[in-house]
Amino acid sequence: MTTTSHTAISGPINFLWFIPTSGDGTYLGSSELNRAPEIGYLTQIAQAVDRLGYSGVLLPTGVACEESFVTAAALAAKTEKLQFLVAIRPGTASPAYYARLATTLDRISNGRLLLNIVVGGSPAELAGDGIHLEHDERYAHAEEFFTVFEELLEKGTASFDGKYIKATNARLGFPSVQNPRPPLYFGGSSDAGIDFSVGRVDKYLTWGEPPAQVAEKITKVRKAAGERGREVSFGIRLHFIVRETDDEAWEAAERLIRHLDDDTIREAQERFVQESDSVGQKRMAALHGGRRDKLEVSPNLWAGVGLVRAGAGTALVGSPKTVAARLREYQEIGIDTVIGSGYPHLEEAYRVAELLFPELGITRDQQRLGFNNEFGRKQVFAGGSHGGNLKVVSGS
């Protein structure tokens, strides 16, 4: 366990949260205290996040998730400021159809759409969607797909005769609110993925690797983008376990995996190897090697989530000051956006906002309005259900 008192650069980071459309829970790898992804619960999370100072939410994609465009449309109607980072999966539908989905969602949300390009890392799942392409070939397909998609959003019409995509006089009836299109995000660690991304996307995302590895990746992406005459910005996907003290945070991390046994971990790791050809997934697995005895892979960066969860598998663990210092280390190497999550996502959204945001300079609505109550100052109150008895309430 590592603590720190380092205080690096100041200034708020752009902070998004996560909508758990495959379900939620208190313990990893256990059905105890779990929650189904029903729309009422997802709405609770989105509305809380909308009030707490987060700028947006990521909606995941895949066969185990509720469909991201449909879910985002439902949540957009129940929120005010929240942006929605929604996945486009090339090949699951035509570029023209995705263009209509994107412009419609951008319009009904009044310009709150962000687009996440997800080429896919599971050949078996992709085959079920009708996509039978090898890893690098999927990026060649995505390049043709987004040539048509972007031309439609920018010009309203497109024609293209490629190896994978053929479109004749494709048309788009309505423009997006954001001009010329909503921002494009992408995460991929392979050479083919990086080569694709630097020619097209606005923000490159990485999973939560140690700062030195992230810095190496950022340097590589910046160089490749510069060779194309482009610049991209950078974001990171991390889980968070923030408590008032470092000790409390590490205890919470251990509780999260308390029901995990070695067989469950081994089965999960074997499944990831068998089902995924993602370079990023391999990098995540290499951090812990399937072992639970060396999970702090960098100061306060804990790989316990990745023992049984595919994709983003690391969490920053610690007190608000500790975690803020670690985030500033990522800022110093070029990260300007964080996509966070925590289990369960409703409660942890509050913890991160209430404990961590003040250290990051992110102001919540209640703070902007100067909100205060009996928990925020010494106050004497009486009457009502208290039977007229005077009570002194001390806050901190």
Protein backbone atom coordinates (compact mmCIF):
# COMPACT_ATOMS: atom_id res chain seq x y z
CA MET A 1 0.00 0.00 0.00
CA THR A 2 1.34 3.40 -0.98
CA THR A 3 0.36 6.87 0.18
CA THR A 4 1.47 10.24 -1.09
CA SER A 5 1.38 13.91 -0.17
CA HIS A 6 2.45 15.05 -3.65
CA THR A 7 0.58 18.03 -5.03
CA ALA A 8 1.38 18.58 -8.68
CA ILE A 9 -0.38 20.79 -11.20
CA SER A 10 -3.68 22.43 -10.42
CA GLY A 11 -6.77 22.89 -12.56
CA PRO A 12 -9.86 20.73 -13.04
CA ILE A 13 -9.85 17.67 -15.26
CA ASN A 14 -12.84 16.78 -17.43
CA PHE A 15 -14.60 13.99 -15.51
CA LEU A 16 -17.18 11.56 -16.93
CA TRP A 17 -18.87 8.63 -15.19
CA PHE A 18 -20.15 5.22 -16.35
CA ILE A 19 -23.65 3.83 -16.88
CA PRO A 20 -23.58 0.08 -16.00
CA THR A 21 -25.90 -1.22 -18.72
CA SER A 22 -24.85 -4.83 -18.10
CA GLY A 23 -25.74 -4.63 -14.40
CA ASP A 24 -24.20 -3.41 -11.17
CA GLY A 25 -23.28 -4.73 -7.78
CA THR A 26 -21.34 -4.52 -4.53
CA TYR A 27 -18.93 -7.44 -4.99
CA LEU A 28 -17.00 -8.51 -8.07
CA GLY A 29 -17.58 -12.05 -9.26
CA SER A 30 -20.60 -12.57 -6.98
CA SER A 31 -24.36 -12.44 -7.39
CA GLU A 32 -24.71 -11.21 -3.82
CA LEU A 33 -26.13 -7.66 -3.62
CA ASN A 34 -26.20 -7.25 -7.40
CA ARG A 35 -28.52 -4.97 -9.39
CA ALA A 36 -30.18 -5.49 -12.76
CA PRO A 37 -29.71 -2.78 -15.42
CA GLU A 38 -33.33 -1.69 -15.37
CA ILE A 39 -34.05 1.76 -16.69
CA GLY A 40 -35.23 3.18 -13.37
CA TYR A 41 -31.88 2.43 -11.75
CA LEU A 42 -29.88 3.69 -14.73
CA THR A 43 -31.94 6.89 -14.62
CA GLN A 44 -31.08 7.33 -10.94
CA ILE A 45 -27.39 7.17 -11.77
CA ALA A 46 -27.67 9.54 -14.74
CA GLN A 47 -29.67 12.13 -12.83
CA ALA A 48 -27.30 12.01 -9.86
CA VAL A 49 -24.28 12.37 -12.13
CA ASP A 50 -25.97 15.26 -13.95
CA ARG A 51 -26.29 17.15 -10.64
CA LEU A 52 -22.93 16.23 -9.14
CA GLY A 53 -20.62 17.99 -11.59
CA TYR A 54 -19.69 15.22 -14.02
CA SER A 55 -19.62 16.36 -17.62
CA GLY A 56 -20.92 13.16 -19.16
CA VAL A 57 -21.29 9.38 -19.05
CA LEU A 58 -19.93 6.45 -21.02
CA LEU A 59 -22.40 3.80 -22.13
CA PRO A 60 -20.68 0.48 -22.90
CA THR A 61 -21.52 -1.77 -25.82
CA GLY A 62 -21.64 -5.49 -26.42
CA VAL A 63 -23.92 -8.49 -26.31
CA ALA A 64 -24.11 -8.32 -22.50
CA CYS A 65 -25.17 -4.65 -22.47
CA GLU A 66 -28.40 -2.83 -23.15
CA GLU A 67 -28.19 -1.08 -26.53
CA SER A 68 -26.32 2.17 -26.02
CA PHE A 69 -28.16 4.51 -28.45
CA VAL A 70 -31.59 3.47 -27.14
CA THR A 71 -30.48 3.78 -23.51
CA ALA A 72 -28.85 7.16 -24.12
CA ALA A 73 -32.03 8.47 -25.75
CA ALA A 74 -34.06 7.42 -22.71
CA LEU A 75 -31.58 9.03 -20.29
CA ALA A 76 -31.20 12.21 -22.34
CA ALA A 77 -34.90 12.91 -21.79
CA LYS A 78 -34.37 12.70 -18.01
CA THR A 79 -31.23 14.85 -17.73
CA GLU A 80 -30.27 18.44 -18.49
CA LYS A 81 -26.53 18.94 -19.07
CA LEU A 82 -25.08 15.45 -19.24
CA GLN A 83 -23.21 14.38 -22.37
CA PHE A 84 -23.50 10.79 -23.60
CA LEU A 85 -20.50 8.91 -24.95
CA VAL A 86 -22.19 6.27 -27.11
CA ALA A 87 -20.58 3.48 -29.12
CA ILE A 88 -20.55 3.12 -32.87
CA ARG A 89 -19.58 -0.43 -33.90
CA PRO A 90 -18.66 -0.45 -37.61
CA GLY A 91 -20.23 -3.39 -39.40
CA THR A 92 -23.23 -3.90 -37.13
CA ALA A 93 -25.13 -1.42 -39.31
CA SER A 94 -24.42 0.72 -42.36
CA PRO A 95 -22.66 4.10 -42.14
CA ALA A 96 -25.85 5.81 -43.36
CA TYR A 97 -27.96 4.19 -40.65
CA TYR A 98 -25.47 5.12 -37.91
CA ALA A 99 -25.39 8.67 -39.31
CA ARG A 100 -29.16 8.89 -38.84
CA LEU A 101 -28.91 7.48 -35.31
CA ALA A 102 -26.16 9.92 -34.40
CA THR A 103 -27.79 13.06 -35.79
CA THR A 104 -31.16 12.18 -34.26
CA LEU A 105 -29.68 11.58 -30.81
CA ASP A 106 -27.61 14.75 -31.08
CA ARG A 107 -30.72 16.71 -32.01
CA ILE A 108 -33.06 15.34 -29.34
CA SER A 109 -30.36 15.80 -26.68
CA ASN A 110 -29.63 19.34 -27.92
CA GLY A 111 -26.01 18.65 -28.81
CA ARG A 112 -25.05 16.35 -25.95
CA LEU A 113 -23.76 13.39 -27.99
CA LEU A 114 -20.18 12.09 -28.01
CA LEU A 115 -19.30 9.14 -30.24
CA ASN A 116 -17.06 6.26 -29.16
CA ILE A 117 -15.61 4.15 -31.97
CA VAL A 118 -15.55 0.51 -30.84
CA VAL A 119 -14.14 -1.79 -33.51
CA GLY A 120 -14.44 -4.79 -31.19
CA GLY A 121 -12.07 -7.20 -29.48
CA SER A 122 -13.99 -10.49 -29.42
CA PRO A 123 -13.98 -12.40 -32.72
CA ALA A 124 -16.75 -14.71 -31.46
CA GLU A 125 -19.06 -11.81 -30.58
CA LEU A 126 -18.25 -10.04 -33.83
CA ALA A 127 -19.05 -13.21 -35.78
CA GLY A 128 -22.44 -13.25 -34.09
CA ASP A 129 -22.95 -9.72 -35.41
CA GLY A 130 -22.04 -10.88 -38.91
CA ILE A 131 -18.49 -9.47 -38.89
CA HIS A 132 -15.88 -12.01 -40.03
CA LEU A 133 -12.67 -9.98 -40.27
CA GLU A 134 -9.23 -10.47 -38.75
CA HIS A 135 -7.96 -7.97 -36.16
CA ASP A 136 -6.08 -5.53 -38.42
CA GLU A 137 -8.58 -5.87 -41.25
CA ARG A 138 -11.31 -4.57 -38.95
CA TYR A 139 -9.50 -1.22 -38.88
CA ALA A 140 -9.28 -1.11 -42.67
CA HIS A 141 -13.04 -1.71 -42.71
CA ALA A 142 -13.55 1.02 -40.06
CA GLU A 143 -11.56 3.50 -42.18
CA GLU A 144 -13.96 3.03 -45.10
CA PHE A 145 -16.98 3.07 -42.80
CA PHE A 146 -16.09 6.41 -41.24
CA THR A 147 -15.17 7.94 -44.59
CA VAL A 148 -18.83 7.57 -45.53
CA PHE A 149 -20.15 8.38 -42.05
CA GLU A 150 -18.24 11.64 -41.71
CA GLU A 151 -18.99 12.78 -45.24
CA LEU A 152 -22.69 12.28 -44.57
CA LEU A 153 -22.59 14.36 -41.41
CA GLU A 154 -20.51 17.11 -43.00
CA LYS A 155 -22.18 17.31 -46.42
CA GLY A 156 -25.47 15.43 -46.17
CA THR A 157 -24.61 13.10 -49.07
CA ALA A 158 -21.96 10.47 -49.77
CA SER A 159 -20.95 7.90 -52.35
CA PHE A 160 -18.13 5.41 -51.89
CA ASP A 161 -16.92 2.29 -53.67
CA GLY A 162 -14.48 0.49 -51.40
CA LYS A 163 -13.36 -3.02 -50.56
CA TYR A 164 -15.71 -3.26 -47.57
CA ILE A 165 -18.17 -0.37 -47.91
CA LYS A 166 -20.19 0.54 -50.96
CA ALA A 167 -22.63 3.45 -50.78
CA THR A 168 -24.42 5.01 -53.74
CA ASN A 169 -25.95 8.46 -53.24
CA ALA A 170 -26.41 7.99 -49.49
CA ARG A 171 -28.36 10.89 -48.00
CA LEU A 172 -28.89 12.36 -44.55
CA GLY A 173 -32.14 14.23 -43.92
CA PHE A 174 -31.17 16.36 -40.91
CA PRO A 175 -27.84 17.75 -39.68
CA SER A 176 -26.45 17.26 -36.19
CA VAL A 177 -26.57 20.11 -33.69
CA GLN A 178 -22.79 19.96 -33.29
CA ASN A 179 -21.02 21.19 -36.40
CA PRO A 180 -19.76 19.43 -38.41
CA ARG A 181 -20.35 16.36 -36.19
CA PRO A 182 -20.22 15.18 -32.56
CA PRO A 183 -16.66 14.55 -31.28
CA LEU A 184 -15.13 11.13 -32.01
CA TYR A 185 -13.44 9.13 -29.23
CA PHE A 186 -11.45 5.93 -29.65
CA GLY A 187 -9.43 3.48 -27.56
CA GLY A 188 -7.08 0.86 -29.00
CA SER A 189 -3.52 -0.16 -28.20
CA SER A 190 -2.52 -2.05 -31.34
CA ASP A 191 -0.44 -0.48 -34.10
CA ALA A 192 -3.38 -0.86 -36.48
CA GLY A 193 -5.71 0.82 -33.99
CA ILE A 194 -3.37 3.74 -33.40
CA ASP A 195 -2.79 4.21 -37.13
CA PHE A 196 -6.55 4.33 -37.70
CA SER A 197 -7.26 6.67 -34.80
CA VAL A 198 -4.72 9.41 -35.49
CA GLY A 199 -6.20 10.15 -38.89
CA ARG A 200 -9.73 10.58 -37.65
CA VAL A 201 -10.54 10.90 -33.93
CA ASP A 202 -10.59 13.89 -31.60
CA LYS A 203 -9.76 12.09 -28.34
CA TYR A 204 -7.66 8.98 -27.86
CA LEU A 205 -8.56 6.87 -24.82
CA THR A 206 -6.40 4.47 -22.84
CA TRP A 207 -7.26 2.07 -20.07
CA GLY A 208 -5.67 2.75 -16.70
CA GLU A 209 -2.12 1.54 -17.12
CA PRO A 210 0.75 2.84 -14.93
CA PRO A 211 1.76 6.42 -15.80
CA ALA A 212 5.02 5.35 -17.48
CA GLN A 213 3.15 3.05 -19.87
CA VAL A 214 0.51 5.68 -20.56
CA ALA A 215 3.22 8.26 -21.27
CA GLU A 216 4.86 5.89 -23.75
CA LYS A 217 1.54 5.36 -25.52
CA ILE A 218 0.76 9.10 -25.63
CA THR A 219 4.18 9.80 -27.13
CA LYS A 220 3.57 7.17 -29.81
CA VAL A 221 0.09 8.50 -30.66
CA ARG A 222 1.24 12.14 -30.74
CA LYS A 223 4.08 11.28 -33.11
CA ALA A 224 1.77 9.35 -35.43
CA ALA A 225 -0.81 12.15 -35.38
CA GLY A 226 1.84 14.77 -36.07
CA GLU A 227 2.97 12.86 -39.15
CA ARG A 228 -0.59 13.28 -40.43
CA GLY A 229 -0.65 16.98 -39.55
CA ARG A 230 -3.19 16.38 -36.78
CA GLU A 231 -3.44 16.80 -33.02
CA VAL A 232 -5.49 14.63 -30.66
CA SER A 233 -6.27 14.98 -26.98
CA PHE A 234 -6.14 12.16 -24.44
CA GLY A 235 -8.39 10.52 -21.88
CA ILE A 236 -8.12 7.61 -19.46
CA ARG A 237 -10.63 5.00 -18.28
CA LEU A 238 -10.30 4.17 -14.57
CA HIS A 239 -12.27 2.79 -11.66
CA PHE A 240 -12.16 4.70 -8.38
CA ILE A 241 -12.16 3.63 -4.74
CA VAL A 242 -12.01 6.88 -2.76
CA ARG A 243 -12.54 7.07 1.00
CA GLU A 244 -11.69 9.64 3.66
CA THR A 245 -8.39 7.91 4.46
CA ASP A 246 -6.00 5.70 2.51
CA ASP A 247 -6.54 2.82 4.93
CA GLU A 248 -10.32 2.95 4.49
CA ALA A 249 -9.91 2.96 0.71
CA TRP A 250 -7.66 -0.10 0.69
CA GLU A 251 -10.08 -1.91 3.00
CA ALA A 252 -12.88 -1.11 0.52
CA ALA A 253 -10.76 -2.48 -2.34
CA GLU A 254 -10.29 -5.76 -0.49
CA ARG A 255 -14.02 -5.96 0.27
CA LEU A 256 -14.79 -5.60 -3.43
CA ILE A 257 -13.07 -8.94 -4.19
CA ARG A 258 -13.80 -10.69 -0.90
CA HIS A 259 -16.04 -13.29 -2.59
CA LEU A 260 -13.60 -14.09 -5.39
CA ASP A 261 -11.97 -17.52 -5.27
CA ASP A 262 -9.03 -18.76 -7.30
CA ASP A 263 -11.18 -20.91 -9.59
CA THR A 264 -13.35 -17.94 -10.56
CA ILE A 265 -10.28 -15.84 -11.33
CA ARG A 266 -8.65 -18.61 -13.38
CA GLU A 267 -11.83 -19.22 -15.39
CA ALA A 268 -12.21 -15.51 -16.12
CA GLN A 269 -8.59 -15.13 -17.25
CA GLU A 270 -8.81 -18.20 -19.48
CA ARG A 271 -12.00 -16.86 -21.04
CA PHE A 272 -10.36 -13.51 -21.80
CA VAL A 273 -7.47 -15.28 -23.56
CA GLN A 274 -9.77 -17.53 -25.57
CA GLU A 275 -12.33 -14.93 -26.58
CA SER A 276 -10.33 -11.72 -27.09
CA ASP A 277 -7.74 -10.66 -29.63
CA SER A 278 -7.52 -7.17 -28.08
CA VAL A 279 -3.99 -5.87 -27.51
CA GLY A 280 -5.32 -3.60 -24.77
CA GLN A 281 -6.87 -6.59 -22.97
CA LYS A 282 -3.53 -8.40 -23.06
CA ARG A 283 -1.84 -5.34 -21.56
CA MET A 284 -4.44 -5.22 -18.77
CA ALA A 285 -3.98 -8.93 -17.98
CA ALA A 286 -0.20 -8.59 -17.90
CA LEU A 287 -0.43 -6.10 -15.04
CA HIS A 288 -1.59 -8.72 -12.54
CA GLY A 289 -0.91 -12.04 -14.27
CA GLY A 290 -4.07 -13.53 -12.77
CA ARG A 291 -2.59 -13.29 -9.26
CA ARG A 292 -4.27 -11.55 -6.36
CA ASP A 293 -1.14 -11.13 -4.22
CA LYS A 294 0.49 -8.29 -6.20
CA LEU A 295 -2.38 -6.09 -7.29
CA GLU A 296 -0.89 -2.66 -6.61
CA VAL A 297 0.86 -2.40 -9.97
CA SER A 298 1.87 1.24 -9.55
CA PRO A 299 1.48 3.57 -6.54
CA ASN A 300 -2.26 3.50 -5.66
CA LEU A 301 -3.13 1.82 -8.99
CA TRP A 302 -4.89 -1.46 -8.13
CA ALA A 303 -5.52 -4.19 -10.71
CA GLY A 304 -8.06 -6.18 -8.70
CA VAL A 305 -10.98 -5.24 -10.95
CA GLY A 306 -9.29 -6.89 -13.92
CA LEU A 307 -9.17 -10.28 -12.20
CA VAL A 308 -12.70 -10.96 -13.44
CA ARG A 309 -13.73 -7.93 -15.50
CA ALA A 310 -12.81 -7.59 -19.16
CA GLY A 311 -11.74 -4.19 -20.43
CA ALA A 312 -10.81 -1.47 -17.95
CA GLY A 313 -9.38 -3.39 -15.01
CA THR A 314 -7.60 -0.93 -12.72
CA ALA A 315 -8.70 1.45 -9.98
CA LEU A 316 -7.11 4.39 -8.25
CA VAL A 317 -7.34 3.70 -4.51
CA GLY A 318 -6.83 6.15 -1.69
CA SER A 319 -7.90 9.28 0.12
CA PRO A 320 -9.03 12.32 -1.88
CA LYS A 321 -5.58 13.95 -1.65
CA THR A 322 -3.82 10.75 -2.67
CA VAL A 323 -6.05 10.02 -5.66
CA ALA A 324 -5.98 13.66 -6.79
CA ALA A 325 -2.18 13.57 -6.76
CA ARG A 326 -2.16 10.43 -8.87
CA LEU A 327 -4.58 11.97 -11.35
CA ARG A 328 -2.33 15.00 -11.65
CA GLU A 329 0.51 12.68 -12.59
CA TYR A 330 -1.61 11.56 -15.52
CA GLN A 331 -2.46 15.18 -16.33
CA GLU A 332 1.22 16.02 -16.44
CA ILE A 333 1.80 13.51 -19.23
CA GLY A 334 -1.15 14.76 -21.28
CA ILE A 335 -4.41 13.29 -19.97
CA ASP A 336 -7.22 15.88 -19.90
CA THR A 337 -10.26 13.61 -19.51
CA VAL A 338 -11.18 10.84 -17.06
CA ILE A 339 -13.97 8.30 -17.51
CA GLY A 340 -14.56 6.91 -14.05
CA SER A 341 -16.63 4.21 -12.42
CA GLY A 342 -17.01 2.38 -9.11
CA TYR A 343 -19.10 -0.35 -7.53
CA PRO A 344 -21.97 0.22 -7.01
CA HIS A 345 -22.08 3.09 -9.48
CA LEU A 346 -24.77 5.19 -7.79
CA GLU A 347 -23.12 5.34 -4.38
CA GLU A 348 -19.61 5.69 -5.78
CA ALA A 349 -20.66 8.56 -8.04
CA TYR A 350 -21.56 10.46 -4.87
CA ARG A 351 -18.36 9.46 -3.07
CA VAL A 352 -16.13 10.57 -5.92
CA ALA A 353 -18.00 13.86 -6.34
CA GLU A 354 -18.16 14.68 -2.64
CA LEU A 355 -14.65 13.57 -1.67
CA LEU A 356 -12.48 13.87 -4.77
CA PHE A 357 -13.97 16.72 -6.80
CA PRO A 358 -13.01 19.43 -4.28
CA GLU A 359 -9.38 18.28 -4.53
CA LEU A 360 -9.59 18.46 -8.33
CA GLY A 361 -11.19 21.91 -8.43
CA ILE A 362 -14.47 20.58 -9.85
CA THR A 363 -17.41 22.54 -8.43
CA ARG A 364 -20.75 20.83 -7.88
CA ASP A 365 -24.08 22.64 -8.35
CA GLN A 366 -24.79 22.75 -4.61
CA GLN A 367 -21.43 24.42 -3.98
CA ARG A 368 -22.03 26.98 -6.72
CA LEU A 369 -25.32 27.90 -5.06
CA GLY A 370 -23.77 28.12 -1.62
CA PHE A 371 -26.00 25.30 -0.35
CA ASN A 372 -25.78 24.50 3.36
CA ASN A 373 -27.89 22.70 5.95
CA GLU A 374 -27.68 21.23 9.44
CA PHE A 375 -24.85 18.96 8.30
CA GLY A 376 -22.78 21.90 7.12
CA ARG A 377 -22.85 24.20 10.13
CA LYS A 378 -23.82 24.33 13.78
CA GLN A 379 -27.53 24.83 13.99
CA VAL A 380 -30.31 24.72 16.57
CA PHE A 381 -33.70 23.50 15.39
CA ALA A 382 -36.92 22.48 17.09
CA GLY A 383 -40.49 21.41 16.46
CA GLY A 384 -42.09 19.05 13.99
CA SER A 385 -41.49 15.37 14.59
CA HIS A 386 -38.99 16.26 17.27
CA GLY A 387 -41.81 17.07 19.64
CA GLY A 388 -40.59 20.60 20.31
CA ASN A 389 -37.34 19.46 21.87
CA LEU A 390 -34.34 21.65 21.07
CA LYS A 391 -31.47 19.79 19.44
CA VAL A 392 -28.01 21.08 18.63
CA VAL A 393 -26.66 19.63 15.38
CA SER A 394 -22.93 19.97 14.74
CA GLY A 395 -21.57 19.58 11.24
CA SER A 396 -18.14 19.51 9.73
